[in-house]
Amino acid sequence: MVAVTANPRRWWALGALVASMLTLGFDTTILNVALPTMAGDLGATTGQQQWMADAYVVVFAALMLPAGLLGDRFGRRRMLITGLALFLAGSLLGALASDVNWVIAARAFMGIGGALVTPLALSVLPSLFGPDDRAKAVGIISAASALGLPLGPIIGGWLLNHFWWGSVFLVNVPMAALGIAACVFLLPETSDPASPRVDPVSTALTATGLGALIYAIIEAPSRGWGDALILGMFAGAAVLLTALVLRERRAERPMLDMTLLAHRGFLFNTLAATLAMFVLSGLMFVLPPYLQAVLGNDALGTGVRLLPMMGGLMIAARGAQPVVARFGQRAAVSAGLVVLAFAALLGSRTTVDSGYGFTALWLSITGVGFGFSIVPAMDGALGTLPRDRAGSGSGLLMTLRQVGAAIGIALLGSLLAGVFRDRLDVTGLPPQVAHTAGDSVIAAHLIAAKTGPRSAAHLAASANDAYVHGMNVVLLVCGIAALVAALLAAALLPKAAPAPEPESTGADMVVATEDA
């Protein structure tokens, strides 16, 4: 093992990484609070709101592996700065956008930047810190990533109360600029020219296959699941993703090493982490409209009311490792998923008159369950792999986790849209107005505000009832998915995961905590 020479500027360089990860963590949750306001101002349907959230995630998932390889071959600092610059440019485009399509394009552009920043910020740690300092560095960068999650909704809500919705994009600009400056002046250049080459064909297959799948899921409720275009998109996605798997299996040095899934511990830990992300991403999509439109909170109040989930998540993330040490990784993951299932099933009992106290209760339990499942699952997945395959395993794990998040937003958002439209009472409204009201609970409330007092009260009440019912159906599906994942983990995970090797422990825990 080659010793890492102490870099005299390593702690300042860590500050550059902290600024980079804080920027991404901040942006992860700020959009969830902004979506209801943006839907009202831009006239966005539920499907378009799904695309505003998913455009970033799909691009991020598709490009993260090739982005990491580009950094390995051409310089991690160079590519990290490039990623932050792209993220900054995308944020400017989003702030200046005048319609939904430009916002979606901006989010996709930001996804390119995020795909470069995330793996590269993590991969430079081993070159900066030796084993003695690495644990402390891991704690600092993990805290920065976690700090961005609760700050996003609060600062985003404050901005929306005082400025226009574009301010939630504009706030990224100084953060990204600070990260670029810190990287330029403080971060040493590192690379690994021996890493696999980027495969443009596999990258294209990943992006187009995922894009077709997500498009079909999001558009199916409005077009119909039997629509020729939807069926064609599903078929195209199946062909493209199958071609990707076959190509990667034949490659001598694959970008996406599918043979890693032959490791039982890696496979089922990855499945648990992916299903946990599926549940959480769906919850974070359906909650803000409920808090804002149904309970009547402003944007800042919505952000503050998401804090119980963040608090539970941070507490669990800190307590997960002692639980694993005492009871084992399989028990921790299974128990965390059971708690997550309980929280979702409890939330599915929400009524229009439940109030925020009940919501805060199951939100906090959700955070605890997610934290106790995702951190041990991700750490356990990587801990089962040989040292020389930890990098490719990390890339595959994070890619599948992002795919789970994208499908969660698409599938659960589409389920919500379909249930809401079917249950909404639009009796007496002109056909075109009734169709617009069925686009989202925000649209229904905007139309209610323009009708007579009696019609307004009826439409608003029906919209609230329809949305809560749709949210409860989504929560029920989330609870069942988490329970299935818990049963699979309890039955199929190895009894005891091997202890991570010293060289990989720090990086693995950064990945796990950052994603949480």
Protein backbone atom coordinates (compact mmCIF):
# COMPACT_ATOMS: atom_id res chain seq x y z
CA MET A 1 0.00 0.00 0.00
CA VAL A 2 1.40 3.37 -1.06
CA ALA A 3 1.43 5.97 1.69
CA VAL A 4 -0.30 9.26 1.05
CA THR A 5 2.05 12.21 1.48
CA ALA A 6 0.51 14.84 3.72
CA ASN A 7 -0.52 17.81 1.59
CA PRO A 8 0.01 21.05 3.55
CA ARG A 9 -3.07 22.57 1.91
CA ARG A 10 -5.24 19.49 2.29
CA TRP A 11 -7.70 21.02 4.77
CA TRP A 12 -8.12 24.10 2.59
CA ALA A 13 -8.60 21.80 -0.38
CA LEU A 14 -11.26 19.99 1.62
CA GLY A 15 -13.00 23.36 1.88
CA ALA A 16 -13.24 23.41 -1.93
CA LEU A 17 -14.90 19.99 -1.89
CA VAL A 18 -17.25 21.09 0.89
CA ALA A 19 -18.36 24.11 -1.17
CA SER A 20 -18.99 21.84 -4.17
CA MET A 21 -21.01 19.25 -2.27
CA LEU A 22 -22.97 21.88 -0.32
CA THR A 23 -24.06 23.39 -3.64
CA LEU A 24 -25.47 20.07 -4.85
CA GLY A 25 -27.02 19.16 -1.50
CA PHE A 26 -28.69 22.56 -1.37
CA ASP A 27 -30.19 22.16 -4.84
CA THR A 28 -31.46 18.64 -4.11
CA THR A 29 -34.32 19.84 -1.90
CA ILE A 30 -34.85 23.48 -2.85
CA LEU A 31 -36.77 22.59 -6.03
CA ASN A 32 -39.32 20.45 -4.14
CA VAL A 33 -40.49 23.55 -2.28
CA ALA A 34 -40.48 25.69 -5.44
CA LEU A 35 -42.53 23.31 -7.61
CA PRO A 36 -45.99 24.39 -6.35
CA THR A 37 -45.15 28.06 -6.91
CA MET A 38 -43.63 27.35 -10.32
CA ALA A 39 -46.69 25.28 -11.28
CA GLY A 40 -48.93 28.25 -10.51
CA ASP A 41 -46.79 30.86 -12.27
CA LEU A 42 -45.90 28.77 -15.32
CA GLY A 43 -49.12 26.77 -15.58
CA ALA A 44 -47.22 23.48 -15.28
CA THR A 45 -49.16 20.23 -15.22
CA THR A 46 -48.26 17.41 -12.85
CA GLY A 47 -46.42 15.72 -15.71
CA GLN A 48 -44.38 18.84 -16.41
CA GLN A 49 -43.55 19.16 -12.73
CA GLN A 50 -42.32 15.55 -12.85
CA TRP A 51 -40.08 16.45 -15.77
CA MET A 52 -38.68 19.49 -13.94
CA ALA A 53 -37.63 17.14 -11.15
CA ASP A 54 -36.67 14.15 -13.30
CA ALA A 55 -34.71 15.93 -16.05
CA TYR A 56 -31.86 16.50 -13.58
CA VAL A 57 -32.00 12.98 -12.12
CA VAL A 58 -32.12 11.14 -15.49
CA VAL A 59 -29.16 13.08 -16.92
CA PHE A 60 -27.28 12.72 -13.63
CA ALA A 61 -27.77 8.95 -13.57
CA ALA A 62 -26.87 8.51 -17.25
CA LEU A 63 -23.66 10.56 -17.15
CA MET A 64 -22.22 9.88 -13.69
CA LEU A 65 -20.13 6.87 -14.76
CA PRO A 66 -18.59 8.45 -17.87
CA ALA A 67 -18.09 11.71 -15.96
CA GLY A 68 -16.07 9.93 -13.28
CA LEU A 69 -13.95 8.23 -15.93
CA LEU A 70 -13.30 11.57 -17.66
CA GLY A 71 -11.97 12.93 -14.38
CA ASP A 72 -9.77 9.89 -13.86
CA ARG A 73 -8.21 10.24 -17.32
CA PHE A 74 -8.02 14.02 -17.85
CA GLY A 75 -7.71 15.39 -14.31
CA ARG A 76 -10.22 15.39 -11.48
CA ARG A 77 -9.76 19.06 -10.58
CA ARG A 78 -10.22 20.09 -14.22
CA MET A 79 -13.41 18.09 -14.60
CA LEU A 80 -14.68 19.18 -11.17
CA ILE A 81 -14.31 22.83 -12.18
CA THR A 82 -16.00 22.05 -15.50
CA GLY A 83 -18.91 20.42 -13.67
CA LEU A 84 -19.39 23.39 -11.36
CA ALA A 85 -19.24 25.76 -14.35
CA LEU A 86 -21.93 23.75 -16.16
CA PHE A 87 -24.03 23.69 -13.00
CA LEU A 88 -23.65 27.48 -12.72
CA ALA A 89 -24.63 27.99 -16.39
CA GLY A 90 -27.67 25.74 -15.99
CA SER A 91 -28.73 27.67 -12.89
CA LEU A 92 -28.54 30.95 -14.81
CA LEU A 93 -30.62 29.45 -17.62
CA GLY A 94 -33.23 28.25 -15.12
CA ALA A 95 -33.41 31.65 -13.41
CA LEU A 96 -34.01 33.42 -16.74
CA ALA A 97 -36.38 30.80 -18.20
CA SER A 98 -39.78 32.05 -19.28
CA ASP A 99 -41.64 28.76 -19.78
CA VAL A 100 -41.70 25.18 -18.54
CA ASN A 101 -39.67 23.72 -21.41
CA TRP A 102 -36.73 26.04 -20.73
CA VAL A 103 -36.84 25.14 -17.04
CA ILE A 104 -36.71 21.45 -17.94
CA ALA A 105 -33.77 22.12 -20.28
CA ALA A 106 -31.97 24.04 -17.53
CA ARG A 107 -32.47 21.19 -15.08
CA ALA A 108 -31.04 18.71 -17.59
CA PHE A 109 -28.01 20.97 -18.10
CA MET A 110 -27.54 21.16 -14.33
CA GLY A 111 -27.64 17.35 -14.29
CA ILE A 112 -24.54 17.27 -16.51
CA GLY A 113 -22.70 19.45 -14.00
CA GLY A 114 -23.92 17.41 -11.05
CA ALA A 115 -22.77 14.18 -12.71
CA LEU A 116 -19.25 15.58 -12.94
CA VAL A 117 -19.12 17.02 -9.42
CA THR A 118 -20.43 14.14 -7.29
CA PRO A 119 -18.06 11.24 -8.17
CA LEU A 120 -15.02 13.49 -8.58
CA ALA A 121 -15.44 15.30 -5.27
CA LEU A 122 -15.41 11.89 -3.59
CA SER A 123 -12.57 10.38 -5.62
CA VAL A 124 -9.95 12.99 -4.66
CA LEU A 125 -10.13 12.27 -0.93
CA PRO A 126 -7.72 9.30 -0.95
CA SER A 127 -5.05 11.43 -2.68
CA LEU A 128 -5.37 14.21 -0.09
CA PHE A 129 -5.62 12.35 3.21
CA GLY A 130 -3.95 9.38 4.79
CA PRO A 131 -5.86 6.85 6.90
CA ASP A 132 -5.41 8.88 10.10
CA ASP A 133 -7.05 12.06 8.75
CA ARG A 134 -9.46 10.54 6.29
CA ALA A 135 -12.17 9.72 8.84
CA LYS A 136 -12.22 13.36 9.97
CA ALA A 137 -12.37 14.55 6.35
CA VAL A 138 -15.20 12.12 5.68
CA GLY A 139 -17.16 13.53 8.60
CA ILE A 140 -16.69 17.12 7.42
CA ILE A 141 -17.70 16.54 3.80
CA SER A 142 -20.63 14.34 4.88
CA ALA A 143 -21.86 17.05 7.26
CA ALA A 144 -21.66 19.61 4.44
CA SER A 145 -23.71 17.37 2.16
CA ALA A 146 -26.31 16.74 4.85
CA LEU A 147 -26.44 20.44 5.79
CA GLY A 148 -27.59 21.35 2.31
CA LEU A 149 -30.71 19.17 2.58
CA PRO A 150 -32.56 21.03 5.36
CA LEU A 151 -31.20 24.42 4.32
CA GLY A 152 -32.60 24.03 0.80
CA PRO A 153 -36.33 24.13 1.70
CA ILE A 154 -35.88 26.89 4.30
CA ILE A 155 -33.83 29.26 2.16
CA GLY A 156 -35.87 28.35 -0.92
CA GLY A 157 -39.09 29.14 0.94
CA TRP A 158 -37.70 32.49 2.13
CA LEU A 159 -36.62 33.39 -1.42
CA LEU A 160 -40.04 32.49 -2.84
CA ASN A 161 -41.75 34.66 -0.23
CA HIS A 162 -39.65 37.69 -1.20
CA PHE A 163 -38.64 37.18 -4.85
CA TRP A 164 -39.78 35.37 -8.00
CA TRP A 165 -39.39 31.62 -8.44
CA GLY A 166 -36.21 32.05 -10.50
CA SER A 167 -34.38 33.06 -7.34
CA VAL A 168 -34.17 29.38 -6.29
CA PHE A 169 -31.94 28.85 -9.34
CA LEU A 170 -30.06 32.13 -9.00
CA VAL A 171 -28.95 31.31 -5.45
CA ASN A 172 -26.83 28.48 -6.90
CA VAL A 173 -24.68 30.94 -8.84
CA PRO A 174 -22.60 32.41 -5.97
CA MET A 175 -22.35 28.95 -4.37
CA ALA A 176 -21.01 27.38 -7.57
CA ALA A 177 -18.71 30.34 -8.20
CA LEU A 178 -17.27 29.94 -4.69
CA GLY A 179 -16.69 26.25 -5.35
CA ILE A 180 -14.92 27.00 -8.66
CA ALA A 181 -12.64 29.59 -7.03
CA ALA A 182 -11.80 27.23 -4.17
CA CYS A 183 -10.99 24.39 -6.59
CA VAL A 184 -8.79 26.62 -8.77
CA PHE A 185 -6.68 27.95 -5.90
CA LEU A 186 -6.73 25.12 -3.36
CA LEU A 187 -7.28 21.72 -4.96
CA PRO A 188 -4.31 19.80 -6.40
CA GLU A 189 -4.73 18.00 -9.72
CA THR A 190 -4.98 14.19 -9.61
CA SER A 191 -5.74 11.60 -12.29
CA ASP A 192 -5.62 7.90 -13.11
CA PRO A 193 -4.72 7.45 -16.80
CA ALA A 194 -5.11 3.67 -16.46
CA SER A 195 -8.87 3.91 -15.85
CA PRO A 196 -11.26 2.51 -18.52
CA ARG A 197 -12.05 4.71 -21.50
CA VAL A 198 -15.40 6.43 -21.79
CA ASP A 199 -17.66 4.47 -24.17
CA PRO A 200 -19.85 6.95 -26.13
CA VAL A 201 -22.16 4.18 -27.35
CA SER A 202 -22.87 2.88 -23.83
CA THR A 203 -23.38 6.44 -22.60
CA ALA A 204 -25.88 7.10 -25.41
CA LEU A 205 -27.71 3.82 -24.72
CA THR A 206 -28.00 4.69 -21.01
CA ALA A 207 -29.29 8.22 -21.63
CA THR A 208 -31.79 7.32 -24.37
CA GLY A 209 -32.99 4.15 -22.65
CA LEU A 210 -33.65 5.86 -19.33
CA GLY A 211 -35.14 8.90 -21.08
CA ALA A 212 -37.60 6.75 -23.06
CA LEU A 213 -38.62 4.81 -19.95
CA ILE A 214 -39.20 7.92 -17.84
CA TYR A 215 -41.07 9.67 -20.68
CA ALA A 216 -43.44 6.73 -21.07
CA ILE A 217 -44.19 6.55 -17.33
CA ILE A 218 -44.79 10.30 -16.99
CA GLU A 219 -46.91 10.75 -20.12
CA ALA A 220 -48.97 7.55 -19.78
CA PRO A 221 -51.67 8.98 -17.42
CA SER A 222 -52.58 11.77 -19.87
CA ARG A 223 -52.12 9.83 -23.15
CA GLY A 224 -53.31 6.45 -21.89
CA TRP A 225 -51.26 3.35 -21.08
CA GLY A 226 -52.37 1.74 -24.36
CA ASP A 227 -51.38 4.73 -26.51
CA ALA A 228 -49.16 3.76 -29.46
CA LEU A 229 -46.46 6.30 -28.54
CA ILE A 230 -46.35 5.12 -24.92
CA LEU A 231 -46.11 1.46 -25.92
CA GLY A 232 -43.43 2.37 -28.46
CA MET A 233 -41.43 4.21 -25.80
CA PHE A 234 -41.63 1.26 -23.41
CA ALA A 235 -40.51 -1.09 -26.17
CA GLY A 236 -37.72 1.26 -27.21
CA ALA A 237 -36.52 1.59 -23.60
CA ALA A 238 -36.46 -2.20 -23.23
CA VAL A 239 -34.44 -2.61 -26.45
CA LEU A 240 -31.96 0.16 -25.59
CA LEU A 241 -31.34 -0.96 -22.01
CA THR A 242 -31.01 -4.60 -23.09
CA ALA A 243 -28.48 -3.53 -25.71
CA LEU A 244 -26.59 -1.64 -22.99
CA VAL A 245 -26.39 -4.70 -20.74
CA LEU A 246 -25.26 -6.96 -23.59
CA ARG A 247 -22.61 -4.47 -24.74
CA GLU A 248 -21.23 -3.98 -21.25
CA ARG A 249 -21.10 -7.73 -20.62
CA ARG A 250 -18.96 -8.20 -23.74
CA ALA A 251 -16.62 -5.27 -23.01
CA GLU A 252 -13.14 -6.14 -21.73
CA ARG A 253 -13.14 -3.14 -19.34
CA PRO A 254 -16.82 -2.15 -19.03
CA MET A 255 -18.00 1.24 -17.87
CA LEU A 256 -20.99 -0.38 -16.16
CA ASP A 257 -19.71 -3.66 -14.71
CA MET A 258 -22.85 -5.78 -14.52
CA THR A 259 -20.91 -8.82 -13.26
CA LEU A 260 -20.76 -7.07 -9.88
CA LEU A 261 -24.40 -8.04 -9.44
CA ALA A 262 -23.24 -11.65 -9.12
CA HIS A 263 -22.02 -10.76 -5.63
CA ARG A 264 -25.01 -11.60 -3.43
CA GLY A 265 -24.27 -8.98 -0.80
CA PHE A 266 -23.77 -6.27 -3.41
CA LEU A 267 -26.92 -7.22 -5.36
CA PHE A 268 -29.40 -7.24 -2.48
CA ASN A 269 -27.89 -4.27 -0.65
CA THR A 270 -28.09 -2.34 -3.91
CA LEU A 271 -31.71 -3.43 -4.36
CA ALA A 272 -32.53 -2.26 -0.82
CA ALA A 273 -30.86 1.12 -1.38
CA THR A 274 -32.59 1.57 -4.75
CA LEU A 275 -36.05 0.79 -3.33
CA ALA A 276 -35.42 3.14 -0.40
CA MET A 277 -34.59 5.93 -2.87
CA PHE A 278 -37.70 5.05 -4.90
CA VAL A 279 -39.82 5.59 -1.79
CA LEU A 280 -38.11 8.78 -0.61
CA SER A 281 -38.10 10.48 -4.01
CA GLY A 282 -41.81 9.83 -4.44
CA LEU A 283 -42.56 11.19 -0.97
CA MET A 284 -40.53 14.34 -1.57
CA PHE A 285 -42.44 14.95 -4.80
CA VAL A 286 -45.98 14.61 -3.40
CA LEU A 287 -45.46 16.33 -0.03
CA PRO A 288 -44.84 20.02 -0.93
CA PRO A 289 -48.14 20.48 -2.85
CA TYR A 290 -49.99 18.95 0.12
CA LEU A 291 -48.30 21.27 2.61
CA GLN A 292 -48.74 24.32 0.40
CA ALA A 293 -52.03 23.87 -1.46
CA VAL A 294 -54.03 21.71 0.97
CA LEU A 295 -52.75 22.94 4.34
CA GLY A 296 -52.35 26.52 3.09
CA ASN A 297 -48.72 27.18 4.04
CA ASP A 298 -46.55 29.63 2.15
CA ALA A 299 -43.29 28.54 0.54
CA LEU A 300 -41.17 29.25 3.63
CA GLY A 301 -43.66 27.48 5.88
CA THR A 302 -43.58 24.47 3.54
CA GLY A 303 -39.79 24.31 3.74
CA VAL A 304 -39.77 24.52 7.52
CA ARG A 305 -42.39 21.78 7.76
CA LEU A 306 -40.15 19.34 5.91
CA LEU A 307 -37.54 19.56 8.67
CA PRO A 308 -38.88 16.64 10.77
CA MET A 309 -37.94 14.27 7.93
CA MET A 310 -34.47 15.81 7.65
CA GLY A 311 -34.01 15.66 11.42
CA GLY A 312 -34.94 11.99 11.57
CA LEU A 313 -32.65 11.24 8.64
CA MET A 314 -29.62 12.98 10.18
CA ILE A 315 -30.14 11.30 13.56
CA ALA A 316 -30.37 7.89 11.91
CA ALA A 317 -27.35 8.52 9.68
CA ARG A 318 -25.24 9.16 12.79
CA GLY A 319 -26.66 6.20 14.71
CA ALA A 320 -26.64 3.62 11.93
CA GLN A 321 -23.08 2.42 12.38
CA PRO A 322 -23.37 1.62 16.12
CA VAL A 323 -26.55 -0.33 15.36
CA VAL A 324 -24.75 -2.26 12.61
CA ALA A 325 -21.86 -3.00 14.98
CA ARG A 326 -24.26 -4.33 17.64
CA PHE A 327 -26.87 -6.22 15.61
CA GLY A 328 -25.35 -6.70 12.17
CA GLN A 329 -25.87 -5.07 8.80
CA ARG A 330 -28.73 -7.32 7.67
CA ALA A 331 -30.75 -6.55 10.82
CA ALA A 332 -30.12 -2.80 10.50
CA VAL A 333 -31.18 -2.61 6.84
CA SER A 334 -34.27 -4.79 7.38
CA ALA A 335 -35.36 -2.86 10.48
CA GLY A 336 -34.83 0.49 8.73
CA LEU A 337 -37.00 -0.60 5.81
CA VAL A 338 -39.71 -1.84 8.18
CA VAL A 339 -39.71 1.55 9.91
CA LEU A 340 -39.89 3.26 6.52
CA ALA A 341 -42.84 1.04 5.54
CA PHE A 342 -44.59 1.80 8.85
CA ALA A 343 -44.14 5.55 8.30
CA ALA A 344 -45.57 5.40 4.77
CA LEU A 345 -48.53 3.24 5.82
CA LEU A 346 -49.20 5.58 8.75
CA GLY A 347 -49.05 8.55 6.38
CA SER A 348 -51.59 6.87 4.10
CA ARG A 349 -54.18 7.44 6.87
CA THR A 350 -53.95 11.22 6.34
CA THR A 351 -57.23 13.09 5.85
CA VAL A 352 -57.94 16.64 4.75
CA ASP A 353 -58.57 17.53 8.41
CA SER A 354 -55.55 15.71 9.90
CA GLY A 355 -53.47 18.87 10.30
CA TYR A 356 -49.72 19.22 10.37
CA GLY A 357 -49.08 17.49 13.71
CA PHE A 358 -49.95 14.08 12.28
CA THR A 359 -47.86 14.81 9.18
CA ALA A 360 -44.84 15.82 11.27
CA LEU A 361 -45.11 12.52 13.18
CA TRP A 362 -44.91 10.24 10.15
CA LEU A 363 -42.41 12.52 8.43
CA SER A 364 -39.95 12.16 11.31
CA ILE A 365 -40.43 8.37 11.33
CA THR A 366 -39.80 8.37 7.57
CA GLY A 367 -36.45 10.10 8.08
CA VAL A 368 -35.41 7.61 10.75
CA GLY A 369 -36.37 4.62 8.60
CA PHE A 370 -34.62 5.95 5.53
CA GLY A 371 -31.43 6.78 7.43
CA PHE A 372 -31.22 3.37 9.11
CA SER A 373 -31.71 1.57 5.78
CA ILE A 374 -29.77 3.56 3.18
CA VAL A 375 -26.46 4.08 5.00
CA PRO A 376 -25.87 0.40 6.05
CA ALA A 377 -27.18 -0.85 2.68
CA MET A 378 -24.79 1.28 0.64
CA ASP A 379 -21.87 0.64 2.93
CA GLY A 380 -22.66 -3.10 2.98
CA ALA A 381 -22.88 -3.23 -0.82
CA LEU A 382 -19.40 -1.80 -1.29
CA GLY A 383 -17.97 -3.75 1.63
CA THR A 384 -18.63 -7.04 -0.18
CA LEU A 385 -16.47 -6.12 -3.18
CA PRO A 386 -12.77 -6.75 -3.73
CA ARG A 387 -10.54 -3.69 -3.34
CA ASP A 388 -9.77 -3.46 -7.07
CA ARG A 389 -13.47 -3.26 -7.98
CA ALA A 390 -14.61 -0.77 -5.35
CA GLY A 391 -14.56 2.12 -7.84
CA SER A 392 -16.70 0.42 -10.47
CA GLY A 393 -19.00 -0.92 -7.75
CA SER A 394 -19.52 2.57 -6.34
CA GLY A 395 -20.38 3.89 -9.80
CA LEU A 396 -22.88 1.11 -10.48
CA LEU A 397 -24.48 1.49 -7.04
CA MET A 398 -24.91 5.26 -7.37
CA THR A 399 -26.24 4.91 -10.92
CA LEU A 400 -28.88 2.38 -9.88
CA ARG A 401 -29.79 4.55 -6.87
CA GLN A 402 -30.38 7.52 -9.17
CA VAL A 403 -32.45 5.35 -11.50
CA GLY A 404 -34.59 4.36 -8.50
CA ALA A 405 -35.10 8.03 -7.66
CA ALA A 406 -36.06 8.92 -11.23
CA ILE A 407 -38.53 6.06 -11.55
CA GLY A 408 -39.96 6.90 -8.11
CA ILE A 409 -40.76 10.46 -9.18
CA ALA A 410 -42.11 9.33 -12.56
CA LEU A 411 -44.17 6.33 -11.45
CA LEU A 412 -45.55 7.69 -8.17
CA GLY A 413 -46.14 11.12 -9.66
CA SER A 414 -48.08 9.54 -12.53
CA LEU A 415 -50.11 7.46 -10.08
CA LEU A 416 -50.94 10.63 -8.14
CA ALA A 417 -51.92 12.50 -11.32
CA GLY A 418 -54.24 9.70 -12.46
CA VAL A 419 -56.00 9.31 -9.09
CA PHE A 420 -56.35 13.10 -8.67
CA ARG A 421 -57.93 13.58 -12.10
CA ASP A 422 -60.35 10.66 -11.63
CA ARG A 423 -61.55 11.84 -8.20
CA LEU A 424 -61.76 15.61 -8.85
CA ASP A 425 -65.37 16.83 -9.17
CA VAL A 426 -65.52 19.30 -12.09
CA THR A 427 -69.31 19.28 -12.48
CA GLY A 428 -70.52 22.51 -14.09
CA LEU A 429 -67.15 23.59 -15.47
CA PRO A 430 -66.60 24.02 -19.24
CA PRO A 431 -64.69 21.05 -20.74
CA GLN A 432 -61.44 22.96 -21.34
CA VAL A 433 -61.50 24.52 -17.87
CA ALA A 434 -62.29 21.13 -16.31
CA HIS A 435 -59.33 19.59 -18.13
CA THR A 436 -57.00 22.33 -16.87
CA ALA A 437 -58.28 21.92 -13.29
CA GLY A 438 -57.40 18.23 -13.49
CA ASP A 439 -53.76 19.00 -14.31
CA SER A 440 -52.78 19.56 -10.68
CA VAL A 441 -54.12 20.68 -7.30
CA ILE A 442 -52.42 24.05 -7.87
CA ALA A 443 -54.29 24.51 -11.17
CA ALA A 444 -57.59 23.56 -9.53
CA HIS A 445 -57.09 26.16 -6.79
CA LEU A 446 -56.19 28.85 -9.35
CA ILE A 447 -59.38 28.11 -11.31
CA ALA A 448 -61.41 28.05 -8.11
CA ALA A 449 -60.17 31.56 -7.32
CA LYS A 450 -61.67 32.82 -10.60
CA THR A 451 -65.14 31.31 -10.16
CA GLY A 452 -68.08 32.34 -8.00
CA PRO A 453 -67.89 31.88 -4.20
CA ARG A 454 -70.06 28.75 -4.09
CA SER A 455 -68.33 27.07 -7.04
CA ALA A 456 -64.92 28.11 -5.72
CA ALA A 457 -65.53 26.52 -2.33
CA HIS A 458 -66.79 23.31 -3.91
CA LEU A 459 -63.90 23.02 -6.40
CA ALA A 460 -61.24 23.84 -3.80
CA ALA A 461 -62.68 21.30 -1.35
CA SER A 462 -62.89 18.66 -4.08
CA ALA A 463 -59.30 19.41 -5.15
CA ASN A 464 -58.03 19.03 -1.58
CA ASP A 465 -59.93 15.77 -1.11
CA ALA A 466 -58.73 14.39 -4.45
CA TYR A 467 -55.11 15.32 -3.77
CA VAL A 468 -55.06 13.83 -0.26
CA HIS A 469 -56.65 10.65 -1.61
CA GLY A 470 -54.03 10.47 -4.37
CA MET A 471 -51.24 11.11 -1.88
CA ASN A 472 -52.56 8.34 0.35
CA VAL A 473 -52.54 5.89 -2.57
CA VAL A 474 -48.93 6.86 -3.29
CA LEU A 475 -48.00 6.40 0.38
CA LEU A 476 -49.69 3.00 0.42
CA VAL A 477 -47.64 1.92 -2.60
CA CYS A 478 -44.49 3.28 -0.91
CA GLY A 479 -45.27 1.33 2.25
CA ILE A 480 -45.78 -1.91 0.32
CA ALA A 481 -42.54 -1.35 -1.66
CA ALA A 482 -40.57 -0.71 1.55
CA LEU A 483 -42.09 -3.79 3.22
CA VAL A 484 -41.19 -5.98 0.23
CA ALA A 485 -37.65 -4.59 0.33
CA ALA A 486 -37.45 -5.35 4.07
CA LEU A 487 -38.54 -8.95 3.54
CA LEU A 488 -36.03 -9.41 0.72
CA ALA A 489 -33.26 -7.93 2.87
CA ALA A 490 -34.11 -10.14 5.84
CA ALA A 491 -34.26 -13.28 3.70
CA LEU A 492 -31.44 -12.74 1.21
CA LEU A 493 -28.79 -10.44 2.65
CA PRO A 494 -25.70 -12.21 4.03
CA LYS A 495 -25.80 -12.66 7.80
CA ALA A 496 -22.72 -10.55 8.33
CA ALA A 497 -21.11 -8.29 5.75
CA PRO A 498 -17.31 -8.39 5.64
CA ALA A 499 -15.62 -5.48 7.35
CA PRO A 500 -14.64 -2.81 4.78
CA GLU A 501 -10.94 -2.60 4.02
CA PRO A 502 -9.20 0.46 5.43
CA GLU A 503 -8.56 2.01 2.04
CA SER A 504 -12.22 1.98 1.04
CA THR A 505 -14.04 2.71 4.29
CA GLY A 506 -13.76 6.47 4.12
CA ALA A 507 -14.87 6.81 0.52
CA ASP A 508 -17.71 4.36 1.00
CA MET A 509 -19.14 6.26 3.93
CA VAL A 510 -18.92 9.54 2.03
CA VAL A 511 -21.01 8.01 -0.73
CA ALA A 512 -23.58 6.60 1.69
CA THR A 513 -24.00 9.68 3.86
CA GLU A 514 -23.91 12.11 0.93
CA ASP A 515 -26.75 10.29 -0.78
CA ALA A 516 -28.76 10.18 2.44
